[in-house]
């Protein structure tokens, strides 16, 4: 006689399976960020060797932004239609090709060509898709924040490793190392990630297959859900100034702070430590105690103060003093806005929504390098910080006013 398996035992087994998948996803995310920061230790110095000035490096970064801007929503839609494993496999495969092209880049044109695979390089959004699918809405912000913890681990490992490898063995070897690492990430995906992670996948797969990945209407309709469009606009407007600083940081480190590749690696590792502390020990404690709106206001206010401080910094030490509040504001802002946006749409569309969130970062990469290069060359680094201060303060006042109006309406 076959043993009877209770529903509680089945639920426990299912929960253990989900936990295993999520832990593997965290590992894949940490590896991906490691390879990304490994690349950051190669590209600026290789670009300088090939004759790129600040303006042309800005054009290179803008190219990446444009490619990923169009790729993000389509990639998210692909994940909703074909499942997490297919999406992650595509992203990791594109990363392998990206590093192989970087390894053979010996001409300025090749630096642009090697950026083409970035249209599919959305490993982190794909990891967010899996975590979103496998967690309850009330626990989503905490689960997504742990991906930020993986970001910190990868930032430390990638920056330190990239700086050492580039200094001792050169750009080609470092790029090949990144290709090998990305191949290992791909193997983890194929081994551990299930084909579908959505609860309703089995009942909607045949219907979803009939829909097109390139259906713009299916993507833009998500903006019609209550509060989604406003949160999305806030994510763009408030994130743009800090995004400009982020995409310009490699040039700022090289020209303003005069850092060597190894010194830059140590500084990025310091960023990673800050990211780990905030994501692992702070955000998870804040999300159960405060509302999403309150945390969003807090992150924007801190970002405004950080911009003001960066407008007057003169050296690396002064910049390091702003790193912790900067990482706090960025981490909370990104986690809370992503969580709010995925909660605002049906579970069947969370992948597309996360793809749109990724496209915001790509938009910042598109506008940021050109705008940042212009501001840096003509007005200096202080102009970037001052714009961040003013824009974030304006968004803070707008959100505060909206919150008061909503409270007044509810009390009537």
Protein backbone atom coordinates (compact mmCIF):
# COMPACT_ATOMS: atom_id res chain seq x y z
CA UNK A 1 0.00 0.00 0.00
CA UNK A 2 1.44 3.35 -1.05
CA UNK A 3 2.11 5.85 1.75
CA UNK A 4 -0.32 8.78 1.98
CA UNK A 5 1.33 12.14 1.48
CA UNK A 6 -0.46 14.94 3.32
CA UNK A 7 -1.02 18.36 1.80
CA UNK A 8 1.21 19.92 4.47
CA UNK A 9 4.08 17.62 3.46
CA UNK A 10 3.52 18.50 -0.19
CA UNK A 11 3.51 22.22 0.65
CA UNK A 12 6.70 21.85 2.69
CA UNK A 13 8.43 20.01 -0.18
CA UNK A 14 7.27 22.65 -2.63
CA UNK A 15 8.54 25.41 -0.35
CA UNK A 16 11.96 23.71 -0.03
CA UNK A 17 12.12 23.45 -3.82
CA UNK A 18 11.30 27.14 -4.18
CA UNK A 19 13.91 28.07 -1.58
CA UNK A 20 16.56 26.05 -3.43
CA UNK A 21 15.73 27.75 -6.73
CA UNK A 22 15.80 31.21 -5.13
CA UNK A 23 19.18 30.51 -3.49
CA UNK A 24 20.63 29.38 -6.84
CA UNK A 25 19.21 32.55 -8.43
CA UNK A 26 21.00 34.62 -5.79
CA UNK A 27 24.23 32.79 -6.66
CA UNK A 28 23.73 33.41 -10.40
CA UNK A 29 23.06 37.10 -9.70
CA UNK A 30 26.23 37.40 -7.60
CA UNK A 31 28.28 35.79 -10.38
CA UNK A 32 26.73 38.03 -13.05
CA UNK A 33 27.52 41.20 -11.09
CA UNK A 34 31.06 39.87 -10.57
CA UNK A 35 31.54 39.51 -14.33
CA UNK A 36 29.97 42.93 -14.96
CA UNK A 37 32.36 44.71 -12.60
CA UNK A 38 35.20 42.65 -14.04
CA UNK A 39 34.30 44.28 -17.36
CA UNK A 40 34.32 47.74 -15.73
CA UNK A 41 37.98 47.13 -14.92
CA UNK A 42 38.71 46.56 -18.60
CA UNK A 43 36.64 48.84 -20.82
CA UNK A 44 37.72 52.36 -19.65
CA UNK A 45 41.42 51.51 -19.82
CA UNK A 46 41.12 49.63 -23.11
CA UNK A 47 39.14 52.56 -24.55
CA UNK A 48 41.89 54.96 -23.50
CA UNK A 49 44.53 52.75 -25.16
CA UNK A 50 42.49 52.77 -28.37
CA UNK A 51 42.34 56.59 -28.41
CA UNK A 52 38.92 57.30 -26.89
CA UNK A 53 38.49 60.67 -25.14
CA UNK A 54 35.77 61.49 -22.59
CA UNK A 55 33.23 62.40 -25.28
CA UNK A 56 33.73 59.23 -27.33
CA UNK A 57 33.59 57.09 -24.19
CA UNK A 58 30.26 58.78 -23.52
CA UNK A 59 29.09 57.79 -27.00
CA UNK A 60 30.12 54.20 -26.26
CA UNK A 61 28.09 54.15 -23.06
CA UNK A 62 25.15 55.76 -24.86
CA UNK A 63 25.26 52.98 -27.46
CA UNK A 64 24.88 50.41 -24.69
CA UNK A 65 21.99 52.34 -23.23
CA UNK A 66 20.13 52.55 -26.55
CA UNK A 67 20.57 48.82 -27.22
CA UNK A 68 19.42 47.79 -23.73
CA UNK A 69 16.60 50.35 -23.75
CA UNK A 70 14.86 48.50 -26.58
CA UNK A 71 15.94 45.08 -25.38
CA UNK A 72 14.65 45.37 -21.79
CA UNK A 73 10.86 45.36 -22.34
CA UNK A 74 11.12 42.70 -25.07
CA UNK A 75 13.29 40.54 -22.81
CA UNK A 76 10.77 40.86 -19.97
CA UNK A 77 7.97 39.88 -22.35
CA UNK A 78 10.09 36.91 -23.52
CA UNK A 79 10.42 35.78 -19.90
CA UNK A 80 6.66 35.96 -19.36
CA UNK A 81 5.97 33.91 -22.49
CA UNK A 82 8.74 31.30 -22.49
CA UNK A 83 9.72 30.96 -18.84
CA UNK A 84 12.56 31.89 -16.55
CA UNK A 85 15.06 29.26 -17.70
CA UNK A 86 14.82 30.34 -21.34
CA UNK A 87 15.22 34.00 -20.35
CA UNK A 88 18.19 33.37 -18.07
CA UNK A 89 19.84 31.06 -20.61
CA UNK A 90 19.54 33.72 -23.30
CA UNK A 91 20.98 36.41 -21.01
CA UNK A 92 23.95 34.29 -19.89
CA UNK A 93 24.72 33.18 -23.46
CA UNK A 94 24.74 36.81 -24.58
CA UNK A 95 27.18 37.63 -21.76
CA UNK A 96 29.57 34.92 -22.97
CA UNK A 97 29.55 36.39 -26.50
CA UNK A 98 29.97 39.89 -25.05
CA UNK A 99 33.20 38.93 -23.25
CA UNK A 100 34.60 36.99 -26.20
CA UNK A 101 34.14 40.04 -28.46
CA UNK A 102 35.77 42.22 -25.79
CA UNK A 103 38.75 39.84 -25.66
CA UNK A 104 39.47 40.34 -29.39
CA UNK A 105 38.75 44.09 -29.46
CA UNK A 106 41.81 45.74 -31.00
CA UNK A 107 40.15 48.61 -32.88
CA UNK A 108 37.78 51.43 -31.78
CA UNK A 109 35.00 49.97 -33.93
CA UNK A 110 35.30 46.63 -32.12
CA UNK A 111 34.50 48.30 -28.82
CA UNK A 112 31.15 49.33 -30.29
CA UNK A 113 30.56 45.92 -31.89
CA UNK A 114 31.20 44.05 -28.65
CA UNK A 115 28.31 45.98 -27.06
CA UNK A 116 25.71 44.48 -29.45
CA UNK A 117 24.98 41.37 -27.29
CA UNK A 118 23.83 43.70 -24.48
CA UNK A 119 20.40 43.66 -26.16
CA UNK A 120 19.92 40.29 -24.42
CA UNK A 121 22.17 40.80 -21.37
CA UNK A 122 19.49 41.12 -18.70
CA UNK A 123 20.59 38.53 -16.16
CA UNK A 124 19.64 40.60 -13.11
CA UNK A 125 16.10 41.40 -14.37
CA UNK A 126 15.68 37.70 -15.19
CA UNK A 127 16.72 36.83 -11.63
CA UNK A 128 14.22 39.40 -10.37
CA UNK A 129 11.53 37.64 -12.44
CA UNK A 130 12.21 34.33 -10.70
CA UNK A 131 12.28 35.87 -7.22
CA UNK A 132 9.07 37.81 -7.93
CA UNK A 133 7.31 34.66 -9.18
CA UNK A 134 8.33 32.56 -6.17
CA UNK A 135 7.65 35.03 -3.32
CA UNK A 136 4.49 36.44 -1.75
CA UNK A 137 3.74 40.14 -2.50
CA UNK A 138 4.21 41.17 1.15
CA UNK A 139 7.68 39.56 1.21
CA UNK A 140 8.72 40.75 -2.24
CA UNK A 141 10.64 43.89 -1.26
CA UNK A 142 12.75 41.92 1.23
CA UNK A 143 13.43 39.15 -1.32
CA UNK A 144 14.38 41.67 -4.01
CA UNK A 145 16.65 43.49 -1.56
CA UNK A 146 18.65 40.27 -1.10
CA UNK A 147 19.45 40.46 -4.82
CA UNK A 148 21.02 43.78 -3.91
CA UNK A 149 23.09 41.92 -1.32
CA UNK A 150 24.29 39.71 -4.18
CA UNK A 151 25.07 42.92 -6.06
CA UNK A 152 27.35 43.99 -3.22
CA UNK A 153 29.13 40.64 -3.15
CA UNK A 154 29.62 40.76 -6.92
CA UNK A 155 30.80 44.35 -6.82
CA UNK A 156 33.51 43.51 -4.29
CA UNK A 157 34.61 40.31 -6.03
CA UNK A 158 34.44 41.70 -9.56
CA UNK A 159 36.15 45.01 -8.82
CA UNK A 160 38.97 43.46 -6.80
CA UNK A 161 39.46 40.55 -9.18
CA UNK A 162 39.20 42.74 -12.27
CA UNK A 163 41.72 45.25 -10.94
CA UNK A 164 44.26 42.52 -10.12
CA UNK A 165 43.79 40.58 -13.37
CA UNK A 166 43.94 43.70 -15.54
CA UNK A 167 47.06 44.99 -13.79
CA UNK A 168 48.93 41.67 -13.92
CA UNK A 169 47.68 39.94 -17.09
CA UNK A 170 46.08 42.61 -19.25
CA UNK A 171 42.65 43.30 -20.75
CA UNK A 172 42.48 40.23 -23.02
CA UNK A 173 43.03 37.68 -20.26
CA UNK A 174 40.55 39.48 -17.99
CA UNK A 175 37.88 39.40 -20.73
CA UNK A 176 38.49 35.68 -21.35
CA UNK A 177 38.12 35.07 -17.62
CA UNK A 178 34.75 36.84 -17.76
CA UNK A 179 33.66 34.62 -20.67
CA UNK A 180 34.58 31.48 -18.72
CA UNK A 181 32.71 32.73 -15.66
CA UNK A 182 29.60 33.55 -17.71
CA UNK A 183 29.69 30.02 -19.14
CA UNK A 184 29.63 28.63 -15.60
CA UNK A 185 26.60 30.82 -14.83
CA UNK A 186 24.85 29.39 -17.90
CA UNK A 187 25.49 25.84 -16.66
CA UNK A 188 23.93 26.72 -13.29
CA UNK A 189 20.81 27.99 -15.08
CA UNK A 190 20.44 24.83 -17.17
CA UNK A 191 20.95 22.59 -14.14
CA UNK A 192 18.80 24.21 -11.44
CA UNK A 193 16.23 26.64 -12.87
CA UNK A 194 12.83 25.14 -13.78
CA UNK A 195 11.29 25.86 -17.15
CA UNK A 196 8.45 27.89 -15.62
CA UNK A 197 8.27 29.61 -12.24
CA UNK A 198 4.86 31.27 -12.47
CA UNK A 199 2.10 29.58 -10.47
CA UNK A 200 -0.41 29.94 -13.29
CA UNK A 201 2.09 28.99 -16.01
CA UNK A 202 0.58 25.57 -16.72
CA UNK A 203 -2.85 27.00 -17.43
CA UNK A 204 -1.77 29.98 -19.49
CA UNK A 205 1.22 28.73 -21.45
CA UNK A 206 -0.70 27.67 -24.58
CA UNK A 207 -2.55 30.97 -24.64
CA UNK A 208 0.64 32.98 -24.05
CA UNK A 209 2.50 31.29 -26.89
CA UNK A 210 0.01 32.83 -29.29
CA UNK A 211 1.01 36.33 -28.20
CA UNK A 212 3.91 38.18 -29.75
CA UNK A 213 7.05 39.21 -27.88
CA UNK A 214 7.06 42.40 -29.93
CA UNK A 215 3.47 43.36 -29.09
CA UNK A 216 3.99 46.96 -27.95
CA UNK A 217 0.35 47.26 -26.89
CA UNK A 218 0.74 44.36 -24.44
CA UNK A 219 3.73 46.14 -22.92
CA UNK A 220 2.37 49.68 -22.73
CA UNK A 221 -1.03 48.59 -21.34
CA UNK A 222 0.68 47.99 -17.99
CA UNK A 223 0.90 51.77 -17.58
CA UNK A 224 -2.91 51.89 -17.35
CA UNK A 225 -3.05 50.11 -14.00
CA UNK A 226 -3.65 52.46 -11.02
CA UNK A 227 -0.54 54.25 -9.81
CA UNK A 228 1.83 52.45 -12.18
CA UNK A 229 2.43 55.33 -14.61
CA UNK A 230 3.12 57.82 -11.80
CA UNK A 231 5.58 55.50 -10.04
CA UNK A 232 7.28 54.75 -13.35
CA UNK A 233 7.73 58.48 -14.11
CA UNK A 234 9.13 59.07 -10.62
CA UNK A 235 11.58 56.20 -11.19
CA UNK A 236 12.82 57.90 -14.36
CA UNK A 237 12.94 61.52 -13.18
CA UNK A 238 14.42 60.92 -9.71
CA UNK A 239 16.82 58.28 -11.01
CA UNK A 240 18.23 60.29 -13.91
CA UNK A 241 20.66 62.60 -12.02
CA UNK A 242 22.18 59.80 -9.93
CA UNK A 243 22.29 57.67 -13.09
CA UNK A 244 24.38 60.36 -14.79
CA UNK A 245 26.90 60.22 -11.96
CA UNK A 246 27.03 56.41 -12.04
CA UNK A 247 27.72 56.13 -15.78
CA UNK A 248 30.33 58.88 -15.57
CA UNK A 249 32.06 57.46 -12.51
CA UNK A 250 34.67 55.46 -14.45
CA UNK A 251 35.78 58.68 -16.15
CA UNK A 252 35.62 60.64 -12.88
CA UNK A 253 37.79 58.00 -11.19
CA UNK A 254 40.27 58.09 -14.07
CA UNK A 255 40.53 61.84 -14.66
CA UNK A 256 39.28 63.64 -11.52
CA UNK A 257 40.55 61.24 -8.85
CA UNK A 258 43.51 59.95 -10.96
CA UNK A 259 43.02 56.34 -9.82
CA UNK A 260 44.92 53.35 -11.20
CA UNK A 261 42.98 50.17 -12.18
CA UNK A 262 43.92 48.53 -8.88
CA UNK A 263 42.93 51.58 -6.80
CA UNK A 264 39.66 51.80 -8.71
CA UNK A 265 39.06 48.14 -7.88
CA UNK A 266 39.51 48.82 -4.16
CA UNK A 267 37.12 51.77 -4.32
CA UNK A 268 34.47 49.66 -6.06
CA UNK A 269 34.99 46.99 -3.40
CA UNK A 270 34.21 49.67 -0.79
CA UNK A 271 31.00 50.35 -2.71
CA UNK A 272 30.22 46.65 -2.51
CA UNK A 273 30.72 46.54 1.27
CA UNK A 274 28.30 49.43 1.62
CA UNK A 275 25.82 47.69 -0.65
CA UNK A 276 26.04 44.46 1.38
CA UNK A 277 25.53 46.22 4.70
CA UNK A 278 22.53 48.17 3.44
CA UNK A 279 20.86 45.39 1.48
CA UNK A 280 21.55 42.67 4.01
CA UNK A 281 21.09 44.51 7.30
CA UNK A 282 18.99 47.59 6.68
CA UNK A 283 16.35 47.26 3.94
CA UNK A 284 14.98 43.95 5.22
CA UNK A 285 14.36 45.59 8.61
CA UNK A 286 12.77 48.71 7.15
CA UNK A 287 10.28 47.17 4.70
CA UNK A 288 8.06 45.43 7.32
CA UNK A 289 7.93 48.56 9.52
CA UNK A 290 7.33 51.37 7.03
CA UNK A 291 5.10 51.82 4.00
CA UNK A 292 6.49 51.82 0.47
CA UNK A 293 5.54 55.50 0.10
CA UNK A 294 7.47 56.51 3.24
CA UNK A 295 10.59 54.61 2.17
CA UNK A 296 10.38 56.12 -1.32
CA UNK A 297 10.26 59.62 0.19
CA UNK A 298 13.22 58.82 2.45
CA UNK A 299 15.38 57.52 -0.41
CA UNK A 300 14.69 60.59 -2.57
CA UNK A 301 15.43 63.01 0.29
CA UNK A 302 18.75 61.29 1.05
CA UNK A 303 19.63 61.31 -2.66
CA UNK A 304 19.10 65.07 -2.77
CA UNK A 305 21.49 65.59 0.17
CA UNK A 306 24.05 63.25 -1.44
CA UNK A 307 23.94 65.33 -4.64
CA UNK A 308 24.60 68.49 -2.63
CA UNK A 309 27.58 66.88 -0.91
CA UNK A 310 29.03 65.60 -4.21
CA UNK A 311 28.74 69.06 -5.71
CA UNK A 312 31.38 70.29 -3.23
CA UNK A 313 33.68 67.26 -2.93
CA UNK A 314 37.33 67.73 -3.93
CA UNK A 315 39.03 64.37 -3.34
CA UNK A 316 38.50 60.65 -2.91
CA UNK A 317 38.25 60.84 0.89
CA UNK A 318 35.40 63.33 0.72
CA UNK A 319 33.69 61.18 -1.89
CA UNK A 320 34.02 58.09 0.34
CA UNK A 321 32.09 59.94 3.05
CA UNK A 322 29.11 60.21 0.69
CA UNK A 323 29.23 56.56 -0.43
CA UNK A 324 27.13 55.04 2.38
CA UNK A 325 24.21 57.49 2.12
CA UNK A 326 24.46 57.26 -1.68
CA UNK A 327 24.25 53.45 -1.62
CA UNK A 328 21.39 53.63 0.87
CA UNK A 329 19.32 55.98 -1.29
CA UNK A 330 20.00 54.02 -4.49
CA UNK A 331 19.26 50.64 -2.90
CA UNK A 332 16.03 51.68 -1.20
CA UNK A 333 14.84 53.62 -4.26
CA UNK A 334 15.40 50.75 -6.70
CA UNK A 335 13.98 48.02 -4.45
CA UNK A 336 10.88 49.98 -3.44
CA UNK A 337 10.00 51.21 -6.94
CA UNK A 338 10.47 47.72 -8.43
CA UNK A 339 8.34 46.23 -5.66
CA UNK A 340 5.59 48.86 -6.08
CA UNK A 341 5.49 48.38 -9.85
CA UNK A 342 5.31 44.56 -9.74
CA UNK A 343 2.58 44.73 -7.09
CA UNK A 344 0.61 47.07 -9.34
CA UNK A 345 0.27 44.61 -12.26
CA UNK A 346 -1.08 41.02 -12.57
CA UNK A 347 1.36 38.24 -11.68
CA UNK A 348 1.33 37.06 -15.31
CA UNK A 349 2.92 40.39 -16.36
CA UNK A 350 5.60 40.83 -13.69
CA UNK A 351 8.38 39.83 -16.10
CA UNK A 352 7.33 42.48 -18.60
CA UNK A 353 7.10 45.03 -15.80
CA UNK A 354 10.62 44.18 -14.60
CA UNK A 355 11.78 44.46 -18.20
CA UNK A 356 10.36 47.98 -18.28
CA UNK A 357 12.14 48.72 -14.99
CA UNK A 358 15.38 47.52 -16.57
CA UNK A 359 14.70 49.80 -19.53
CA UNK A 360 14.68 52.74 -17.12
CA UNK A 361 18.29 51.94 -16.20
CA UNK A 362 19.03 51.66 -19.91
CA UNK A 363 17.40 55.04 -20.54
CA UNK A 364 19.68 56.52 -17.89
CA UNK A 365 22.64 54.92 -19.67
CA UNK A 366 21.42 56.39 -22.95
CA UNK A 367 20.97 59.95 -21.75
CA UNK A 368 23.52 59.87 -18.94
CA UNK A 369 26.85 59.56 -20.79
CA UNK A 370 26.11 62.32 -23.30
CA UNK A 371 24.57 64.64 -20.71
CA UNK A 372 27.23 63.76 -18.15
CA UNK A 373 30.06 64.21 -20.62
CA UNK A 374 28.71 67.64 -21.59
CA UNK A 375 28.27 68.74 -17.97
CA UNK A 376 31.65 67.39 -16.86
CA UNK A 377 33.62 68.96 -19.71
CA UNK A 378 31.86 72.35 -19.57
CA UNK A 379 30.84 72.85 -15.94
CA UNK A 380 32.81 70.32 -13.90
CA UNK A 381 31.79 67.52 -11.57
CA UNK A 382 29.94 69.90 -9.23
CA UNK A 383 27.21 70.52 -11.83
CA UNK A 384 26.22 66.83 -11.80
CA UNK A 385 25.79 66.83 -8.01
CA UNK A 386 23.87 70.10 -7.97
CA UNK A 387 21.39 68.87 -10.59
CA UNK A 388 20.83 65.71 -8.54
CA UNK A 389 20.10 67.83 -5.47
CA UNK A 390 17.59 70.11 -7.20
CA UNK A 391 15.72 67.43 -9.18
CA UNK A 392 15.35 65.02 -6.25
CA UNK A 393 14.17 67.80 -3.95
CA UNK A 394 11.50 68.76 -6.50
CA UNK A 395 10.32 65.13 -6.75
CA UNK A 396 10.29 64.87 -2.95
CA UNK A 397 8.04 67.92 -2.63
CA UNK A 398 5.72 66.57 -5.34
CA UNK A 399 5.35 63.15 -3.66
CA UNK A 400 4.88 64.72 -0.23
CA UNK A 401 2.11 66.92 -1.58
CA UNK A 402 0.44 63.96 -3.32
CA UNK A 403 0.56 61.97 -0.08
CA UNK A 404 -1.10 64.78 1.85
CA UNK A 405 -3.83 65.16 -0.77
CA UNK A 406 -4.56 61.41 -0.64
CA UNK A 407 -4.71 61.48 3.17
CA UNK A 408 -7.11 64.44 3.05
CA UNK A 409 -9.39 62.63 0.59
CA UNK A 410 -9.48 59.50 2.76
CA UNK A 411 -10.44 61.46 5.90
CA UNK A 412 -13.37 63.19 4.21
